[in-house]
Amino acid sequence: MRVVLCDSCGAPLDAPWDDLVVVCRYCGAHNLPGRPGDAVRPIVPADGRPRVSLGGRTYVVESRLGQGESSLVYRARWVVRLGELVVLKVLQARADADLFRNGWRVVRELQSSSVEGAEHFLTRLSSPVAHGLIDTDAPRPASVFGWKSGFVHTLREVGEVYRGGVPGEVVVWILKRLLELLGFVHRSGFVHGAVTPDHVLVHPYDHGAMLVGWSLARPWRDGRSERLLARSRTWSSLYGGATEATPALDIAMACRCASTIAGWHLENAVVQPALQGLLDRGAEGRVDDAWALRDLLVEISRATFGPAAYHPLTMPGWRR
């Protein structure tokens, strides 16, 4: 009997290798149907849904995921792989074409990071697949990114569902994951520059968070900051008075996001001030070490809520 291994991570696949796509239960990769070397026929039928071609592949557009300040974001599928979902980002505001290109370039450069933990943290960033022009009413810049299973809700949507505030334990794991990710990004030589509720995606069951929306990212080398390329118009209040793209700004915006969704649904009035104090301190914009703040958050969380435990986030319609 031939043992079939995942194309992405090398783990054994525990499903028959037949005409259906096999999903790796370890890394979530969608593996190509048929035997290695076999020709693969198109699986998604021509059913009237829009199709776009980019990077030598054709994608069928399935639904709209969201709308940014300058782009539309869609869920799409490669026509020759039944399970090959992707994220298609199409520029709408032509005046922001330079920012659109900048976001793609930064994501590509981050893929070559050799910072400790890169293998893990790169799974929490957008995975670049293709970039170029698509032929719509007029050629428009577009980017294709790999689909991240389970990361379907933004922090903005979480706040809209939990209008009375997200439980403190959940606020802790979201901020913890966000600070870890920012620590990696900063050590890799970049500042995100737009850590907003629309750009933070959460995995409700796996205690995961990822960052999207890299159009305003700037290089960070040897402590030398650069001016912000622009500010998010929707979330301008999260920037405070900052004009420079620095790690401290990313951290401040992350803490302000956490405070926004918390709504102060913290039940222990005796120890609540410690956690709120940490968020206030980070939000001041003077903390430039995301890892150090993350370690302090772990200590405060242990004192506030006890040993680390699993706290899922219930979201309507959530699916992997």
C-alpha atoms as a PDB file:
ATOM      1  CA  MET A   1       0.000   0.000   0.000  1.00  0.00           C
ATOM      2  CA  ARG A   2       1.331   3.428  -0.935  1.00  0.00           C
ATOM      3  CA  VAL A   3       1.483   5.953   1.895  1.00  0.00           C
ATOM      4  CA  VAL A   4       0.533   9.441   0.709  1.00  0.00           C
ATOM      5  CA  LEU A   5       2.171  12.443   2.357  1.00  0.00           C
ATOM      6  CA  CYS A   6       0.980  16.034   2.546  1.00  0.00           C
ATOM      7  CA  ASP A   7       2.588  18.212  -0.134  1.00  0.00           C
ATOM      8  CA  SER A   8       2.918  21.060   2.362  1.00  0.00           C
ATOM      9  CA  CYS A   9       4.165  19.580   5.651  1.00  0.00           C
ATOM     10  CA  GLY A  10       4.998  15.940   4.860  1.00  0.00           C
ATOM     11  CA  ALA A  11       2.526  14.450   7.342  1.00  0.00           C
ATOM     12  CA  PRO A  12       0.721  11.236   6.329  1.00  0.00           C
ATOM     13  CA  LEU A  13      -2.746  11.811   4.896  1.00  0.00           C
ATOM     14  CA  ASP A  14      -5.479   9.818   6.599  1.00  0.00           C
ATOM     15  CA  ALA A  15      -7.956   9.784   3.713  1.00  0.00           C
ATOM     16  CA  PRO A  16      -8.062   7.892   0.387  1.00  0.00           C
ATOM     17  CA  TRP A  17      -6.123   9.469  -2.445  1.00  0.00           C
ATOM     18  CA  ASP A  18      -8.900   9.633  -5.023  1.00  0.00           C
ATOM     19  CA  ASP A  19     -10.841  12.216  -6.999  1.00  0.00           C
ATOM     20  CA  LEU A  20     -11.533  14.302  -3.894  1.00  0.00           C
ATOM     21  CA  VAL A  21      -9.170  16.816  -2.376  1.00  0.00           C
ATOM     22  CA  VAL A  22      -7.513  15.501   0.777  1.00  0.00           C
ATOM     23  CA  VAL A  23      -7.112  18.051   3.574  1.00  0.00           C
ATOM     24  CA  CYS A  24      -4.125  17.547   5.861  1.00  0.00           C
ATOM     25  CA  ARG A  25      -5.335  17.453   9.472  1.00  0.00           C
ATOM     26  CA  TYR A  26      -1.959  18.717  10.699  1.00  0.00           C
ATOM     27  CA  CYS A  27      -1.405  21.856   8.621  1.00  0.00           C
ATOM     28  CA  GLY A  28      -4.740  22.278   6.799  1.00  0.00           C
ATOM     29  CA  ALA A  29      -3.183  22.152   3.315  1.00  0.00           C
ATOM     30  CA  HIS A  30      -5.392  21.060   0.433  1.00  0.00           C
ATOM     31  CA  ASN A  31      -3.647  18.306  -1.518  1.00  0.00           C
ATOM     32  CA  LEU A  32      -3.999  17.793  -5.234  1.00  0.00           C
ATOM     33  CA  PRO A  33      -6.238  14.936  -6.427  1.00  0.00           C
ATOM     34  CA  GLY A  34      -4.765  12.068  -8.466  1.00  0.00           C
ATOM     35  CA  ARG A  35      -1.354  10.424  -8.380  1.00  0.00           C
ATOM     36  CA  PRO A  36       1.871  12.459  -8.494  1.00  0.00           C
ATOM     37  CA  GLY A  37       2.575  13.419 -12.083  1.00  0.00           C
ATOM     38  CA  ASP A  38      -0.992  12.889 -13.295  1.00  0.00           C
ATOM     39  CA  ALA A  39      -2.633  15.635 -15.336  1.00  0.00           C
ATOM     40  CA  VAL A  40      -5.284  17.471 -13.361  1.00  0.00           C
ATOM     41  CA  ARG A  41      -8.486  18.426 -15.127  1.00  0.00           C
ATOM     42  CA  PRO A  42     -10.501  21.519 -14.202  1.00  0.00           C
ATOM     43  CA  ILE A  43     -13.003  20.623 -11.486  1.00  0.00           C
ATOM     44  CA  VAL A  44     -14.978  23.828 -10.938  1.00  0.00           C
ATOM     45  CA  PRO A  45     -17.583  23.999 -13.734  1.00  0.00           C
ATOM     46  CA  ALA A  46     -18.293  27.070 -15.823  1.00  0.00           C
ATOM     47  CA  ASP A  47     -21.477  28.102 -14.022  1.00  0.00           C
ATOM     48  CA  GLY A  48     -21.647  31.803 -14.733  1.00  0.00           C
ATOM     49  CA  ARG A  49     -19.669  32.989 -11.711  1.00  0.00           C
ATOM     50  CA  PRO A  50     -16.970  35.600 -12.425  1.00  0.00           C
ATOM     51  CA  ARG A  51     -13.488  34.310 -13.191  1.00  0.00           C
ATOM     52  CA  VAL A  52     -10.161  36.112 -13.106  1.00  0.00           C
ATOM     53  CA  SER A  53      -6.734  35.050 -14.335  1.00  0.00           C
ATOM     54  CA  LEU A  54      -3.587  35.974 -12.461  1.00  0.00           C
ATOM     55  CA  GLY A  55      -0.144  34.432 -12.224  1.00  0.00           C
ATOM     56  CA  GLY A  56      -0.955  31.753 -14.774  1.00  0.00           C
ATOM     57  CA  ARG A  57      -4.001  30.463 -12.889  1.00  0.00           C
ATOM     58  CA  THR A  58      -7.713  31.043 -13.285  1.00  0.00           C
ATOM     59  CA  TYR A  59      -9.856  31.600 -10.203  1.00  0.00           C
ATOM     60  CA  VAL A  60     -13.619  31.498  -9.859  1.00  0.00           C
ATOM     61  CA  VAL A  61     -14.887  34.261  -7.547  1.00  0.00           C
ATOM     62  CA  GLU A  62     -17.284  32.854  -4.943  1.00  0.00           C
ATOM     63  CA  SER A  63     -18.189  35.658  -2.549  1.00  0.00           C
ATOM     64  CA  ARG A  64     -17.120  39.003  -1.161  1.00  0.00           C
ATOM     65  CA  LEU A  65     -15.350  38.855   2.176  1.00  0.00           C
ATOM     66  CA  GLY A  66     -15.087  42.544   2.905  1.00  0.00           C
ATOM     67  CA  GLN A  67     -14.288  46.040   1.723  1.00  0.00           C
ATOM     68  CA  GLY A  68     -11.293  48.068   2.782  1.00  0.00           C
ATOM     69  CA  GLU A  69     -10.671  51.761   2.297  1.00  0.00           C
ATOM     70  CA  SER A  70      -9.131  51.211  -1.134  1.00  0.00           C
ATOM     71  CA  SER A  71      -9.747  47.538  -2.019  1.00  0.00           C
ATOM     72  CA  LEU A  72     -12.399  44.855  -2.268  1.00  0.00           C
ATOM     73  CA  VAL A  73     -11.612  41.413  -0.862  1.00  0.00           C
ATOM     74  CA  TYR A  74     -13.150  38.219  -2.231  1.00  0.00           C
ATOM     75  CA  ARG A  75     -13.094  34.509  -1.570  1.00  0.00           C
ATOM     76  CA  ALA A  76     -12.089  32.661  -4.729  1.00  0.00           C
ATOM     77  CA  ARG A  77     -11.137  29.147  -5.783  1.00  0.00           C
ATOM     78  CA  TRP A  78      -8.570  27.828  -8.227  1.00  0.00           C
ATOM     79  CA  VAL A  79     -10.526  26.051 -10.948  1.00  0.00           C
ATOM     80  CA  VAL A  80      -8.357  22.908 -10.997  1.00  0.00           C
ATOM     81  CA  ARG A  81      -8.403  22.222  -7.278  1.00  0.00           C
ATOM     82  CA  LEU A  82     -11.772  21.700  -5.685  1.00  0.00           C
ATOM     83  CA  GLY A  83     -10.517  22.732  -2.246  1.00  0.00           C
ATOM     84  CA  GLU A  84      -7.945  25.365  -3.184  1.00  0.00           C
ATOM     85  CA  LEU A  85      -9.477  28.481  -1.645  1.00  0.00           C
ATOM     86  CA  VAL A  86      -7.690  31.811  -1.948  1.00  0.00           C
ATOM     87  CA  VAL A  87      -8.222  35.415  -0.954  1.00  0.00           C
ATOM     88  CA  LEU A  88      -8.452  37.792  -3.914  1.00  0.00           C
ATOM     89  CA  LYS A  89      -7.768  41.451  -3.201  1.00  0.00           C
ATOM     90  CA  VAL A  90      -8.676  43.943  -5.954  1.00  0.00           C
ATOM     91  CA  LEU A  91      -7.727  47.620  -5.886  1.00  0.00           C
ATOM     92  CA  GLN A  92     -10.682  50.004  -6.258  1.00  0.00           C
ATOM     93  CA  ALA A  93      -9.153  53.395  -5.416  1.00  0.00           C
ATOM     94  CA  ARG A  94      -6.615  53.909  -8.188  1.00  0.00           C
ATOM     95  CA  ALA A  95      -5.030  56.775  -6.260  1.00  0.00           C
ATOM     96  CA  ASP A  96      -3.819  54.191  -3.740  1.00  0.00           C
ATOM     97  CA  ALA A  97      -2.026  52.023  -6.310  1.00  0.00           C
ATOM     98  CA  ASP A  98       1.352  52.804  -4.732  1.00  0.00           C
ATOM     99  CA  LEU A  99       0.109  51.671  -1.318  1.00  0.00           C
ATOM    100  CA  PHE A 100      -1.346  48.509  -2.870  1.00  0.00           C
ATOM    101  CA  ARG A 101       2.040  47.645  -4.393  1.00  0.00           C
ATOM    102  CA  ASN A 102       3.775  48.443  -1.119  1.00  0.00           C
ATOM    103  CA  GLY A 103       1.611  45.961   0.767  1.00  0.00           C
ATOM    104  CA  TRP A 104       2.454  43.180  -1.678  1.00  0.00           C
ATOM    105  CA  ARG A 105       6.180  43.976  -1.563  1.00  0.00           C
ATOM    106  CA  VAL A 106       6.292  43.940   2.254  1.00  0.00           C
ATOM    107  CA  VAL A 107       4.432  40.631   2.505  1.00  0.00           C
ATOM    108  CA  ARG A 108       6.833  39.112  -0.023  1.00  0.00           C
ATOM    109  CA  GLU A 109       9.887  40.387   1.837  1.00  0.00           C
ATOM    110  CA  LEU A 110       8.605  39.066   5.158  1.00  0.00           C
ATOM    111  CA  GLN A 111       8.487  35.563   3.662  1.00  0.00           C
ATOM    112  CA  SER A 112      12.290  35.516   3.621  1.00  0.00           C
ATOM    113  CA  SER A 113      12.626  36.408   7.320  1.00  0.00           C
ATOM    114  CA  SER A 114      15.101  34.264   9.222  1.00  0.00           C
ATOM    115  CA  VAL A 115      14.112  35.598  12.653  1.00  0.00           C
ATOM    116  CA  GLU A 116      13.524  32.975  15.334  1.00  0.00           C
ATOM    117  CA  GLY A 117      10.030  31.534  15.033  1.00  0.00           C
ATOM    118  CA  ALA A 118       9.600  32.526  11.371  1.00  0.00           C
ATOM    119  CA  GLU A 119       8.252  29.103  10.390  1.00  0.00           C
ATOM    120  CA  HIS A 120       5.333  29.587  12.762  1.00  0.00           C
ATOM    121  CA  PHE A 121       4.705  33.312  12.522  1.00  0.00           C
ATOM    122  CA  LEU A 122       4.639  33.366   8.728  1.00  0.00           C
ATOM    123  CA  THR A 123       1.510  31.197   8.955  1.00  0.00           C
ATOM    124  CA  ARG A 124      -0.103  34.153  10.743  1.00  0.00           C
ATOM    125  CA  LEU A 125       0.645  36.594   7.935  1.00  0.00           C
ATOM    126  CA  SER A 126      -0.819  36.834   4.457  1.00  0.00           C
ATOM    127  CA  SER A 127       0.739  34.181   2.178  1.00  0.00           C
ATOM    128  CA  PRO A 128       1.475  35.720  -1.244  1.00  0.00           C
ATOM    129  CA  VAL A 129       0.470  33.673  -4.293  1.00  0.00           C
ATOM    130  CA  ALA A 130       0.254  36.059  -7.258  1.00  0.00           C
ATOM    131  CA  HIS A 131       0.170  39.770  -8.064  1.00  0.00           C
ATOM    132  CA  GLY A 132      -0.556  41.718 -11.233  1.00  0.00           C
ATOM    133  CA  LEU A 133      -3.340  43.174 -13.356  1.00  0.00           C
ATOM    134  CA  ILE A 134      -6.723  41.565 -13.915  1.00  0.00           C
ATOM    135  CA  ASP A 135      -8.970  42.483 -16.806  1.00  0.00           C
ATOM    136  CA  THR A 136     -12.246  43.861 -15.422  1.00  0.00           C
ATOM    137  CA  ASP A 137     -14.003  46.947 -16.801  1.00  0.00           C
ATOM    138  CA  ALA A 138     -10.431  48.231 -17.021  1.00  0.00           C
ATOM    139  CA  PRO A 139      -7.214  46.489 -15.914  1.00  0.00           C
ATOM    140  CA  ARG A 140      -6.887  46.708 -12.153  1.00  0.00           C
ATOM    141  CA  PRO A 141      -4.089  45.677  -9.793  1.00  0.00           C
ATOM    142  CA  ALA A 142      -4.940  42.571  -7.788  1.00  0.00           C
ATOM    143  CA  SER A 143      -3.237  40.187  -5.383  1.00  0.00           C
ATOM    144  CA  VAL A 144      -3.943  36.575  -4.512  1.00  0.00           C
ATOM    145  CA  PHE A 145      -3.151  35.210  -1.047  1.00  0.00           C
ATOM    146  CA  GLY A 146      -3.423  31.750   0.444  1.00  0.00           C
ATOM    147  CA  TRP A 147      -6.574  30.919   2.405  1.00  0.00           C
ATOM    148  CA  LYS A 148      -6.075  30.674   6.182  1.00  0.00           C
ATOM    149  CA  SER A 149      -8.555  28.123   7.459  1.00  0.00           C
ATOM    150  CA  GLY A 150     -10.577  29.381  10.440  1.00  0.00           C
ATOM    151  CA  PHE A 151      -9.509  33.031  10.201  1.00  0.00           C
ATOM    152  CA  VAL A 152     -12.812  34.409   8.929  1.00  0.00           C
ATOM    153  CA  HIS A 153     -13.755  37.065  11.510  1.00  0.00           C
ATOM    154  CA  THR A 154     -12.141  40.456  12.046  1.00  0.00           C
ATOM    155  CA  LEU A 155     -11.722  42.054  15.426  1.00  0.00           C
ATOM    156  CA  ARG A 156     -14.314  44.608  14.346  1.00  0.00           C
ATOM    157  CA  GLU A 157     -16.857  41.802  13.878  1.00  0.00           C
ATOM    158  CA  VAL A 158     -15.965  40.378  17.285  1.00  0.00           C
ATOM    159  CA  GLY A 159     -16.702  43.756  18.860  1.00  0.00           C
ATOM    160  CA  GLU A 160     -20.018  43.991  17.023  1.00  0.00           C
ATOM    161  CA  VAL A 161     -21.117  40.591  18.357  1.00  0.00           C
ATOM    162  CA  TYR A 162     -19.923  41.244  21.919  1.00  0.00           C
ATOM    163  CA  ARG A 163     -21.336  44.721  22.355  1.00  0.00           C
ATOM    164  CA  GLY A 164     -21.133  44.437  26.129  1.00  0.00           C
ATOM    165  CA  GLY A 165     -17.460  43.536  25.939  1.00  0.00           C
ATOM    166  CA  VAL A 166     -15.404  40.435  25.229  1.00  0.00           C
ATOM    167  CA  PRO A 167     -14.548  38.313  28.314  1.00  0.00           C
ATOM    168  CA  GLY A 168     -11.237  39.347  29.823  1.00  0.00           C
ATOM    169  CA  GLU A 169      -9.665  35.912  29.300  1.00  0.00           C
ATOM    170  CA  VAL A 170     -10.358  36.164  25.569  1.00  0.00           C
ATOM    171  CA  VAL A 171      -8.993  39.711  25.413  1.00  0.00           C
ATOM    172  CA  VAL A 172      -5.787  38.358  26.945  1.00  0.00           C
ATOM    173  CA  TRP A 173      -5.194  35.606  24.398  1.00  0.00           C
ATOM    174  CA  ILE A 174      -6.030  37.856  21.458  1.00  0.00           C
ATOM    175  CA  LEU A 175      -3.617  40.557  22.645  1.00  0.00           C
ATOM    176  CA  LYS A 176      -0.979  37.977  23.561  1.00  0.00           C
ATOM    177  CA  ARG A 177      -1.019  36.486  20.054  1.00  0.00           C
ATOM    178  CA  LEU A 178      -1.018  39.948  18.501  1.00  0.00           C
ATOM    179  CA  LEU A 179       1.996  41.094  20.524  1.00  0.00           C
ATOM    180  CA  GLU A 180       3.905  37.929  19.628  1.00  0.00           C
ATOM    181  CA  LEU A 181       3.207  38.516  15.958  1.00  0.00           C
ATOM    182  CA  LEU A 182       4.218  42.168  16.154  1.00  0.00           C
ATOM    183  CA  GLY A 183       7.406  41.171  17.962  1.00  0.00           C
ATOM    184  CA  PHE A 184       8.281  38.925  15.041  1.00  0.00           C
ATOM    185  CA  VAL A 185       7.437  41.606  12.462  1.00  0.00           C
ATOM    186  CA  HIS A 186       9.543  44.234  14.227  1.00  0.00           C
ATOM    187  CA  ARG A 187      12.537  41.919  14.551  1.00  0.00           C
ATOM    188  CA  SER A 188      12.149  41.144  10.856  1.00  0.00           C
ATOM    189  CA  GLY A 189      12.661  44.810  10.057  1.00  0.00           C
ATOM    190  CA  PHE A 190       9.153  46.169   9.498  1.00  0.00           C
ATOM    191  CA  VAL A 191       6.403  48.150  11.195  1.00  0.00           C
ATOM    192  CA  HIS A 192       2.826  47.317  10.208  1.00  0.00           C
ATOM    193  CA  GLY A 193       1.533  50.866  10.559  1.00  0.00           C
ATOM    194  CA  ALA A 194      -2.193  50.022  10.533  1.00  0.00           C
ATOM    195  CA  VAL A 195      -3.049  47.668  13.405  1.00  0.00           C
ATOM    196  CA  THR A 196      -6.803  48.217  13.319  1.00  0.00           C
ATOM    197  CA  PRO A 197      -9.803  45.994  14.140  1.00  0.00           C
ATOM    198  CA  ASP A 198     -10.310  45.449  10.392  1.00  0.00           C
ATOM    199  CA  HIS A 199      -6.778  44.133   9.972  1.00  0.00           C
ATOM    200  CA  VAL A 200      -6.767  41.648  12.860  1.00  0.00           C
ATOM    201  CA  LEU A 201      -8.332  38.263  12.105  1.00  0.00           C
ATOM    202  CA  VAL A 202      -9.022  35.818  14.926  1.00  0.00           C
ATOM    203  CA  HIS A 203      -9.387  32.053  15.021  1.00  0.00           C
ATOM    204  CA  PRO A 204     -12.169  31.548  17.609  1.00  0.00           C
ATOM    205  CA  TYR A 205     -11.222  27.991  18.616  1.00  0.00           C
ATOM    206  CA  ASP A 206      -7.451  27.840  18.204  1.00  0.00           C
ATOM    207  CA  HIS A 207      -6.569  31.000  20.155  1.00  0.00           C
ATOM    208  CA  GLY A 208      -5.058  32.436  16.988  1.00  0.00           C
ATOM    209  CA  ALA A 209      -4.672  35.926  15.569  1.00  0.00           C
ATOM    210  CA  MET A 210      -3.223  37.091  12.282  1.00  0.00           C
ATOM    211  CA  LEU A 211      -2.479  40.426  10.609  1.00  0.00           C
ATOM    212  CA  VAL A 212      -3.600  41.535   7.159  1.00  0.00           C
ATOM    213  CA  GLY A 213      -3.629  44.937   5.439  1.00  0.00           C
ATOM    214  CA  TRP A 214       0.065  45.710   4.877  1.00  0.00           C
ATOM    215  CA  SER A 215      -0.325  48.697   2.570  1.00  0.00           C
ATOM    216  CA  LEU A 216       1.000  51.191   5.134  1.00  0.00           C
ATOM    217  CA  ALA A 217       3.887  49.033   6.395  1.00  0.00           C
ATOM    218  CA  ARG A 218       7.307  50.674   6.633  1.00  0.00           C
ATOM    219  CA  PRO A 219      10.847  49.350   7.054  1.00  0.00           C
ATOM    220  CA  TRP A 220      12.360  49.480  10.530  1.00  0.00           C
ATOM    221  CA  ARG A 221      16.131  49.340  10.624  1.00  0.00           C
ATOM    222  CA  ASP A 222      18.456  50.052  13.548  1.00  0.00           C
ATOM    223  CA  GLY A 223      15.834  52.088  15.364  1.00  0.00           C
ATOM    224  CA  ARG A 224      15.463  54.582  12.514  1.00  0.00           C
ATOM    225  CA  SER A 225      11.805  55.366  11.934  1.00  0.00           C
ATOM    226  CA  GLU A 226      10.123  56.604   8.776  1.00  0.00           C
ATOM    227  CA  ARG A 227       7.094  58.791   8.379  1.00  0.00           C
ATOM    228  CA  LEU A 228       3.720  57.144   8.089  1.00  0.00           C
ATOM    229  CA  LEU A 229       2.704  56.725   4.466  1.00  0.00           C
ATOM    230  CA  ALA A 230      -0.873  57.546   5.436  1.00  0.00           C
ATOM    231  CA  ARG A 231      -3.435  56.875   8.155  1.00  0.00           C
ATOM    232  CA  SER A 232      -6.460  54.667   8.106  1.00  0.00           C
ATOM    233  CA  ARG A 233      -9.367  57.058   7.597  1.00  0.00           C
ATOM    234  CA  THR A 234     -11.811  54.793   9.413  1.00  0.00           C
ATOM    235  CA  TRP A 235      -9.548  54.267  12.432  1.00  0.00           C
ATOM    236  CA  SER A 236      -7.659  57.556  12.596  1.00  0.00           C
ATOM    237  CA  SER A 237      -8.321  57.816  16.359  1.00  0.00           C
ATOM    238  CA  LEU A 238      -6.148  54.745  16.977  1.00  0.00           C
ATOM    239  CA  TYR A 239      -3.053  56.647  15.812  1.00  0.00           C
ATOM    240  CA  GLY A 240      -3.194  59.324  18.484  1.00  0.00           C
ATOM    241  CA  GLY A 241      -0.770  62.054  17.469  1.00  0.00           C
ATOM    242  CA  ALA A 242       1.780  59.711  15.888  1.00  0.00           C
ATOM    243  CA  THR A 243       3.455  60.752  12.646  1.00  0.00           C
ATOM    244  CA  GLU A 244       6.251  58.146  12.566  1.00  0.00           C
ATOM    245  CA  ALA A 245       5.951  54.430  11.854  1.00  0.00           C
ATOM    246  CA  THR A 246       7.526  52.788  14.911  1.00  0.00           C
ATOM    247  CA  PRO A 247       7.137  49.551  16.901  1.00  0.00           C
ATOM    248  CA  ALA A 248       5.683  51.665  19.712  1.00  0.00           C
ATOM    249  CA  LEU A 249       2.880  52.811  17.382  1.00  0.00           C
ATOM    250  CA  ASP A 250       2.023  49.214  16.414  1.00  0.00           C
ATOM    251  CA  ILE A 251       1.930  48.221  20.076  1.00  0.00           C
ATOM    252  CA  ALA A 252      -0.162  51.242  21.013  1.00  0.00           C
ATOM    253  CA  MET A 253      -2.687  50.477  18.287  1.00  0.00           C
ATOM    254  CA  ALA A 254      -2.870  46.817  19.343  1.00  0.00           C
ATOM    255  CA  CYS A 255      -3.570  47.820  22.952  1.00  0.00           C
ATOM    256  CA  ARG A 256      -6.181  50.359  21.849  1.00  0.00           C
ATOM    257  CA  CYS A 257      -7.860  47.641  19.762  1.00  0.00           C
ATOM    258  CA  ALA A 258      -7.899  45.342  22.792  1.00  0.00           C
ATOM    259  CA  SER A 259      -9.417  48.057  24.974  1.00  0.00           C
ATOM    260  CA  THR A 260     -12.082  48.700  22.334  1.00  0.00           C
ATOM    261  CA  ILE A 261     -13.338  45.112  22.284  1.00  0.00           C
ATOM    262  CA  ALA A 262     -12.972  44.598  26.044  1.00  0.00           C
ATOM    263  CA  GLY A 263     -15.658  47.090  26.961  1.00  0.00           C
ATOM    264  CA  TRP A 264     -14.416  46.218  30.421  1.00  0.00           C
ATOM    265  CA  HIS A 265     -16.136  42.951  30.868  1.00  0.00           C
ATOM    266  CA  LEU A 266     -13.670  42.081  33.637  1.00  0.00           C
ATOM    267  CA  GLU A 267     -15.304  40.459  36.604  1.00  0.00           C
ATOM    268  CA  ASN A 268     -12.717  40.655  39.362  1.00  0.00           C
ATOM    269  CA  ALA A 269     -12.768  44.257  40.531  1.00  0.00           C
ATOM    270  CA  VAL A 270      -9.759  43.704  42.792  1.00  0.00           C
ATOM    271  CA  VAL A 271      -7.317  42.670  40.068  1.00  0.00           C
ATOM    272  CA  GLN A 272      -8.945  44.311  37.066  1.00  0.00           C
ATOM    273  CA  PRO A 273      -6.812  47.501  37.367  1.00  0.00           C
ATOM    274  CA  ALA A 274      -3.606  45.534  36.683  1.00  0.00           C
ATOM    275  CA  LEU A 275      -4.819  44.394  33.274  1.00  0.00           C
ATOM    276  CA  GLN A 276      -6.344  47.739  32.406  1.00  0.00           C
ATOM    277  CA  GLY A 277      -3.131  49.393  33.553  1.00  0.00           C
ATOM    278  CA  LEU A 278      -1.130  47.278  31.103  1.00  0.00           C
ATOM    279  CA  LEU A 279      -3.414  48.246  28.245  1.00  0.00           C
ATOM    280  CA  ASP A 280      -3.210  51.904  29.204  1.00  0.00           C
ATOM    281  CA  ARG A 281       0.569  51.718  29.404  1.00  0.00           C
ATOM    282  CA  GLY A 282       0.850  50.124  25.967  1.00  0.00           C
ATOM    283  CA  ALA A 283      -1.658  52.565  24.495  1.00  0.00           C
ATOM    284  CA  GLU A 284       0.439  55.545  25.582  1.00  0.00           C
ATOM    285  CA  GLY A 285       2.827  54.818  22.715  1.00  0.00           C
ATOM    286  CA  ARG A 286       6.048  54.619  24.730  1.00  0.00           C
ATOM    287  CA  VAL A 287       6.474  50.818  24.838  1.00  0.00           C
ATOM    288  CA  ASP A 288       8.618  49.618  21.924  1.00  0.00           C
ATOM    289  CA  ASP A 289       9.269  45.977  22.900  1.00  0.00           C
ATOM    290  CA  ALA A 290       6.283  43.786  22.035  1.00  0.00           C
ATOM    291  CA  TRP A 291       7.831  40.665  23.553  1.00  0.00           C
ATOM    292  CA  ALA A 292       8.474  42.372  26.903  1.00  0.00           C
ATOM    293  CA  LEU A 293       4.879  43.604  27.072  1.00  0.00           C
ATOM    294  CA  ARG A 294       3.664  40.138  26.112  1.00  0.00           C
ATOM    295  CA  ASP A 295       5.620  38.606  29.022  1.00  0.00           C
ATOM    296  CA  LEU A 296       4.134  41.146  31.425  1.00  0.00           C
ATOM    297  CA  LEU A 297       0.673  40.362  30.050  1.00  0.00           C
ATOM    298  CA  VAL A 298       1.202  36.668  30.825  1.00  0.00           C
ATOM    299  CA  GLU A 299       2.137  37.497  34.433  1.00  0.00           C
ATOM    300  CA  ILE A 300      -0.852  39.761  34.937  1.00  0.00           C
ATOM    301  CA  SER A 301      -3.190  37.245  33.320  1.00  0.00           C
ATOM    302  CA  ARG A 302      -1.981  34.509  35.665  1.00  0.00           C
ATOM    303  CA  ALA A 303      -2.612  36.758  38.655  1.00  0.00           C
ATOM    304  CA  THR A 304      -6.000  37.848  37.312  1.00  0.00           C
ATOM    305  CA  PHE A 305      -7.485  34.654  35.902  1.00  0.00           C
ATOM    306  CA  GLY A 306      -5.263  31.873  37.225  1.00  0.00           C
ATOM    307  CA  PRO A 307      -3.213  29.378  35.166  1.00  0.00           C
ATOM    308  CA  ALA A 308      -3.507  29.493  31.396  1.00  0.00           C
ATOM    309  CA  ALA A 309      -6.652  27.738  30.164  1.00  0.00           C
ATOM    310  CA  TYR A 310      -8.629  27.278  26.975  1.00  0.00           C
ATOM    311  CA  HIS A 311     -11.185  30.034  26.333  1.00  0.00           C
ATOM    312  CA  PRO A 312     -12.918  29.691  22.942  1.00  0.00           C
ATOM    313  CA  LEU A 313     -14.653  32.632  21.345  1.00  0.00           C
ATOM    314  CA  THR A 314     -18.145  31.887  20.097  1.00  0.00           C
ATOM    315  CA  MET A 315     -18.966  33.623  16.822  1.00  0.00           C
ATOM    316  CA  PRO A 316     -22.159  33.136  14.789  1.00  0.00           C
ATOM    317  CA  GLY A 317     -21.703  31.264  11.541  1.00  0.00           C
ATOM    318  CA  TRP A 318     -18.096  30.427  12.334  1.00  0.00           C
ATOM    319  CA  ARG A 319     -16.543  27.718  10.251  1.00  0.00           C
ATOM    320  CA  ARG A 320     -13.058  26.422   9.617  1.00  0.00           C
END
